[in-house]
Amino acid sequence: MEQQQEPQFSREESANRISRLIAKISRVHCNCVNERLQPLGLTNLTSTHLINILRRPGMSQNELACLLSVSKVMVSKTLKQLEQEGLITRIPDQEDKRLVHLYVTPRGEELAQESIAIQREITCLAASTLTQEECICVENKLNEVLEHLSSLMEKNR
């Protein structure tokens, strides 16, 4: 009968290590995506905005900010850049002039589709060391952590 080994790290230290690892994976993934998107004139940030507008035509700036969990100011700056490059259009709501709907232009759609392909390729390469079952398990556990953190943030508001 095998004996279980004592954990090397405390739960707190393990949590800190996991948190740093998640942040590092995110940075490395972002750098890989940025490198591949550079020839298209996009970044991970701009392509993420573009892809989300493509998937939800007519969404508002506030909806996009909530979806991406970023500030309205950050979204506004990125949208201005995408609009100047002719990749999105902003159309005012006919009933509420304060509300603006976001749409991807044909050129924006083309670049968004290329971005999706690049991001999928990098993500598949990153996950190629995991089995399907491991991917599902990691995703489920990370979703639990995200939901818990989100609920803590809501309680503090």
C-alpha atoms as a PDB file:
ATOM      1  CA  MET A   1       0.000   0.000   0.000  1.00  0.00           C
ATOM      2  CA  GLU A   2       1.382   3.401  -1.042  1.00  0.00           C
ATOM      3  CA  GLN A   3       1.750   6.109   1.527  1.00  0.00           C
ATOM      4  CA  GLN A   4       0.573   9.579   0.641  1.00  0.00           C
ATOM      5  CA  GLN A   5       3.344  12.133   0.697  1.00  0.00           C
ATOM      6  CA  GLU A   6       3.009  15.256   2.767  1.00  0.00           C
ATOM      7  CA  PRO A   7       2.411  18.342   0.615  1.00  0.00           C
ATOM      8  CA  GLN A   8       5.554  20.339  -0.114  1.00  0.00           C
ATOM      9  CA  PHE A   9       3.798  23.676   0.248  1.00  0.00           C
ATOM     10  CA  SER A  10       1.075  25.078   2.439  1.00  0.00           C
ATOM     11  CA  ARG A  11      -2.321  25.649   0.842  1.00  0.00           C
ATOM     12  CA  GLU A  12      -1.639  29.411   0.835  1.00  0.00           C
ATOM     13  CA  GLU A  13       1.746  28.980  -0.854  1.00  0.00           C
ATOM     14  CA  SER A  14       0.244  26.567  -3.392  1.00  0.00           C
ATOM     15  CA  ALA A  15      -2.502  29.093  -4.152  1.00  0.00           C
ATOM     16  CA  ASN A  16       0.100  31.840  -4.626  1.00  0.00           C
ATOM     17  CA  ARG A  17       2.152  29.624  -6.926  1.00  0.00           C
ATOM     18  CA  ILE A  18      -0.942  28.770  -8.990  1.00  0.00           C
ATOM     19  CA  SER A  19      -1.914  32.441  -9.210  1.00  0.00           C
ATOM     20  CA  ARG A  20       1.556  33.425 -10.442  1.00  0.00           C
ATOM     21  CA  LEU A  21       1.550  30.535 -12.909  1.00  0.00           C
ATOM     22  CA  ILE A  22      -1.835  31.562 -14.346  1.00  0.00           C
ATOM     23  CA  ALA A  23      -0.588  35.144 -14.744  1.00  0.00           C
ATOM     24  CA  LYS A  24       2.616  33.958 -16.435  1.00  0.00           C
ATOM     25  CA  ILE A  25       0.727  31.651 -18.805  1.00  0.00           C
ATOM     26  CA  SER A  26      -1.544  34.556 -19.702  1.00  0.00           C
ATOM     27  CA  ARG A  27       1.427  36.853 -20.442  1.00  0.00           C
ATOM     28  CA  VAL A  28       3.267  34.260 -22.536  1.00  0.00           C
ATOM     29  CA  HIS A  29       0.072  33.406 -24.443  1.00  0.00           C
ATOM     30  CA  CYS A  30      -0.576  37.111 -25.052  1.00  0.00           C
ATOM     31  CA  ASN A  31       2.997  37.625 -26.296  1.00  0.00           C
ATOM     32  CA  CYS A  32       2.666  34.670 -28.702  1.00  0.00           C
ATOM     33  CA  VAL A  33      -0.630  36.024 -30.030  1.00  0.00           C
ATOM     34  CA  ASN A  34       0.782  39.557 -30.370  1.00  0.00           C
ATOM     35  CA  GLU A  35       3.752  38.246 -32.338  1.00  0.00           C
ATOM     36  CA  ARG A  36       1.489  36.404 -34.771  1.00  0.00           C
ATOM     37  CA  LEU A  37      -1.004  39.289 -35.079  1.00  0.00           C
ATOM     38  CA  GLN A  38       1.617  41.970 -35.712  1.00  0.00           C
ATOM     39  CA  PRO A  39       1.680  41.437 -39.511  1.00  0.00           C
ATOM     40  CA  LEU A  40      -2.097  42.044 -39.509  1.00  0.00           C
ATOM     41  CA  GLY A  41      -1.652  45.344 -37.666  1.00  0.00           C
ATOM     42  CA  LEU A  42      -3.486  43.984 -34.627  1.00  0.00           C
ATOM     43  CA  THR A  43      -2.672  43.101 -31.041  1.00  0.00           C
ATOM     44  CA  ASN A  44      -4.254  40.623 -28.673  1.00  0.00           C
ATOM     45  CA  LEU A  45      -6.196  43.541 -27.157  1.00  0.00           C
ATOM     46  CA  THR A  46      -7.525  44.962 -30.434  1.00  0.00           C
ATOM     47  CA  SER A  47      -8.323  41.545 -31.870  1.00  0.00           C
ATOM     48  CA  THR A  48     -10.225  40.561 -28.716  1.00  0.00           C
ATOM     49  CA  HIS A  49     -12.430  43.642 -29.089  1.00  0.00           C
ATOM     50  CA  LEU A  50     -12.895  42.995 -32.798  1.00  0.00           C
ATOM     51  CA  ILE A  51     -13.787  39.315 -32.330  1.00  0.00           C
ATOM     52  CA  ASN A  52     -16.324  40.080 -29.612  1.00  0.00           C
ATOM     53  CA  ILE A  53     -18.019  42.744 -31.738  1.00  0.00           C
ATOM     54  CA  LEU A  54     -18.098  40.287 -34.650  1.00  0.00           C
ATOM     55  CA  ARG A  55     -19.777  37.680 -32.451  1.00  0.00           C
ATOM     56  CA  ARG A  56     -22.302  40.171 -31.020  1.00  0.00           C
ATOM     57  CA  PRO A  57     -23.101  42.728 -33.730  1.00  0.00           C
ATOM     58  CA  GLY A  58     -24.794  45.826 -32.364  1.00  0.00           C
ATOM     59  CA  MET A  59     -23.462  45.471 -28.841  1.00  0.00           C
ATOM     60  CA  SER A  60     -22.800  48.661 -26.888  1.00  0.00           C
ATOM     61  CA  GLN A  61     -19.504  49.914 -25.510  1.00  0.00           C
ATOM     62  CA  ASN A  62     -20.741  49.222 -21.969  1.00  0.00           C
ATOM     63  CA  GLU A  63     -21.685  45.649 -22.891  1.00  0.00           C
ATOM     64  CA  LEU A  64     -18.227  45.114 -24.361  1.00  0.00           C
ATOM     65  CA  ALA A  65     -16.532  46.522 -21.247  1.00  0.00           C
ATOM     66  CA  CYS A  66     -18.578  44.190 -19.024  1.00  0.00           C
ATOM     67  CA  LEU A  67     -17.906  41.196 -21.259  1.00  0.00           C
ATOM     68  CA  LEU A  68     -14.149  41.807 -21.202  1.00  0.00           C
ATOM     69  CA  SER A  69     -14.068  42.867 -17.530  1.00  0.00           C
ATOM     70  CA  VAL A  70     -12.230  46.085 -18.370  1.00  0.00           C
ATOM     71  CA  SER A  71     -12.964  49.761 -17.848  1.00  0.00           C
ATOM     72  CA  LYS A  72     -15.128  51.785 -20.216  1.00  0.00           C
ATOM     73  CA  VAL A  73     -12.149  54.120 -20.719  1.00  0.00           C
ATOM     74  CA  MET A  74      -9.951  51.238 -21.910  1.00  0.00           C
ATOM     75  CA  VAL A  75     -12.661  50.044 -24.292  1.00  0.00           C
ATOM     76  CA  SER A  76     -13.203  53.578 -25.584  1.00  0.00           C
ATOM     77  CA  LYS A  77      -9.510  54.001 -26.471  1.00  0.00           C
ATOM     78  CA  THR A  78      -9.370  50.664 -28.257  1.00  0.00           C
ATOM     79  CA  LEU A  79     -12.620  51.303 -30.149  1.00  0.00           C
ATOM     80  CA  LYS A  80     -11.339  54.698 -31.293  1.00  0.00           C
ATOM     81  CA  GLN A  81      -8.257  53.005 -32.737  1.00  0.00           C
ATOM     82  CA  LEU A  82     -10.333  50.282 -34.461  1.00  0.00           C
ATOM     83  CA  GLU A  83     -12.674  52.906 -35.893  1.00  0.00           C
ATOM     84  CA  GLN A  84      -9.782  55.037 -37.195  1.00  0.00           C
ATOM     85  CA  GLU A  85      -8.386  51.952 -38.911  1.00  0.00           C
ATOM     86  CA  GLY A  86     -11.758  51.306 -40.565  1.00  0.00           C
ATOM     87  CA  LEU A  87     -12.345  48.002 -38.771  1.00  0.00           C
ATOM     88  CA  ILE A  88     -15.520  48.941 -36.878  1.00  0.00           C
ATOM     89  CA  THR A  89     -18.361  51.423 -37.164  1.00  0.00           C
ATOM     90  CA  ARG A  90     -20.365  53.048 -34.397  1.00  0.00           C
ATOM     91  CA  ILE A  91     -24.031  53.629 -35.113  1.00  0.00           C
ATOM     92  CA  PRO A  92     -26.098  55.742 -32.691  1.00  0.00           C
ATOM     93  CA  ASP A  93     -29.292  54.192 -31.355  1.00  0.00           C
ATOM     94  CA  GLN A  94     -32.326  55.810 -32.978  1.00  0.00           C
ATOM     95  CA  GLU A  95     -34.264  56.008 -29.719  1.00  0.00           C
ATOM     96  CA  ASP A  96     -31.493  56.701 -27.198  1.00  0.00           C
ATOM     97  CA  LYS A  97     -28.853  58.962 -28.762  1.00  0.00           C
ATOM     98  CA  ARG A  98     -26.470  58.277 -25.841  1.00  0.00           C
ATOM     99  CA  LEU A  99     -26.313  54.616 -26.850  1.00  0.00           C
ATOM    100  CA  VAL A 100     -23.997  53.580 -29.683  1.00  0.00           C
ATOM    101  CA  HIS A 101     -24.075  50.178 -31.384  1.00  0.00           C
ATOM    102  CA  LEU A 102     -20.828  48.588 -32.571  1.00  0.00           C
ATOM    103  CA  TYR A 103     -20.416  46.735 -35.862  1.00  0.00           C
ATOM    104  CA  VAL A 104     -17.456  45.202 -37.655  1.00  0.00           C
ATOM    105  CA  THR A 105     -16.707  46.414 -41.195  1.00  0.00           C
ATOM    106  CA  PRO A 106     -15.985  43.883 -43.968  1.00  0.00           C
ATOM    107  CA  ARG A 107     -12.232  44.486 -43.504  1.00  0.00           C
ATOM    108  CA  GLY A 108     -12.674  44.136 -39.744  1.00  0.00           C
ATOM    109  CA  GLU A 109     -14.493  40.837 -40.221  1.00  0.00           C
ATOM    110  CA  GLU A 110     -11.678  39.517 -42.397  1.00  0.00           C
ATOM    111  CA  LEU A 111      -9.066  40.410 -39.769  1.00  0.00           C
ATOM    112  CA  ALA A 112     -11.240  39.070 -36.943  1.00  0.00           C
ATOM    113  CA  GLN A 113     -11.526  35.707 -38.713  1.00  0.00           C
ATOM    114  CA  GLU A 114      -7.748  35.569 -39.199  1.00  0.00           C
ATOM    115  CA  SER A 115      -7.304  36.475 -35.523  1.00  0.00           C
ATOM    116  CA  ILE A 116      -9.651  33.694 -34.449  1.00  0.00           C
ATOM    117  CA  ALA A 117      -7.624  31.174 -36.451  1.00  0.00           C
ATOM    118  CA  ILE A 118      -4.343  32.409 -34.946  1.00  0.00           C
ATOM    119  CA  GLN A 119      -5.686  32.348 -31.392  1.00  0.00           C
ATOM    120  CA  ARG A 120      -7.125  28.851 -31.845  1.00  0.00           C
ATOM    121  CA  GLU A 121      -3.830  27.573 -33.205  1.00  0.00           C
ATOM    122  CA  ILE A 122      -1.818  29.003 -30.303  1.00  0.00           C
ATOM    123  CA  THR A 123      -4.326  27.772 -27.724  1.00  0.00           C
ATOM    124  CA  CYS A 124      -4.320  24.263 -29.219  1.00  0.00           C
ATOM    125  CA  LEU A 125      -0.524  24.198 -29.191  1.00  0.00           C
ATOM    126  CA  ALA A 126      -0.501  25.378 -25.576  1.00  0.00           C
ATOM    127  CA  ALA A 127      -2.955  22.674 -24.522  1.00  0.00           C
ATOM    128  CA  SER A 128      -1.351  19.908 -26.585  1.00  0.00           C
ATOM    129  CA  THR A 129       0.394  18.535 -23.492  1.00  0.00           C
ATOM    130  CA  LEU A 130      -2.976  17.838 -21.839  1.00  0.00           C
ATOM    131  CA  THR A 131      -5.505  15.107 -22.522  1.00  0.00           C
ATOM    132  CA  GLN A 132      -9.115  16.040 -23.264  1.00  0.00           C
ATOM    133  CA  GLU A 133     -10.083  14.961 -19.744  1.00  0.00           C
ATOM    134  CA  GLU A 134      -7.331  17.099 -18.207  1.00  0.00           C
ATOM    135  CA  CYS A 135      -8.453  20.097 -20.272  1.00  0.00           C
ATOM    136  CA  ILE A 136     -12.017  19.687 -19.021  1.00  0.00           C
ATOM    137  CA  CYS A 137     -10.847  19.292 -15.421  1.00  0.00           C
ATOM    138  CA  VAL A 138      -8.593  22.376 -15.563  1.00  0.00           C
ATOM    139  CA  GLU A 139     -11.344  24.434 -17.197  1.00  0.00           C
ATOM    140  CA  ASN A 140     -13.903  23.379 -14.590  1.00  0.00           C
ATOM    141  CA  LYS A 141     -11.590  24.171 -11.687  1.00  0.00           C
ATOM    142  CA  LEU A 142     -10.566  27.545 -13.116  1.00  0.00           C
ATOM    143  CA  ASN A 143     -14.238  28.416 -13.684  1.00  0.00           C
ATOM    144  CA  GLU A 144     -14.911  27.595 -10.021  1.00  0.00           C
ATOM    145  CA  VAL A 145     -12.109  29.946  -8.973  1.00  0.00           C
ATOM    146  CA  LEU A 146     -13.391  32.673 -11.310  1.00  0.00           C
ATOM    147  CA  GLU A 147     -16.949  32.360 -10.026  1.00  0.00           C
ATOM    148  CA  HIS A 148     -15.738  32.492  -6.433  1.00  0.00           C
ATOM    149  CA  LEU A 149     -13.601  35.589  -7.043  1.00  0.00           C
ATOM    150  CA  SER A 150     -16.434  37.260  -8.965  1.00  0.00           C
ATOM    151  CA  SER A 151     -18.875  36.619  -6.123  1.00  0.00           C
ATOM    152  CA  LEU A 152     -16.387  38.060  -3.617  1.00  0.00           C
ATOM    153  CA  MET A 153     -16.046  41.188  -5.750  1.00  0.00           C
ATOM    154  CA  GLU A 154     -19.830  41.544  -5.959  1.00  0.00           C
ATOM    155  CA  LYS A 155     -20.121  41.290  -2.173  1.00  0.00           C
ATOM    156  CA  ASN A 156     -17.551  44.070  -1.754  1.00  0.00           C
ATOM    157  CA  ARG A 157     -19.431  46.529  -3.976  1.00  0.00           C
END
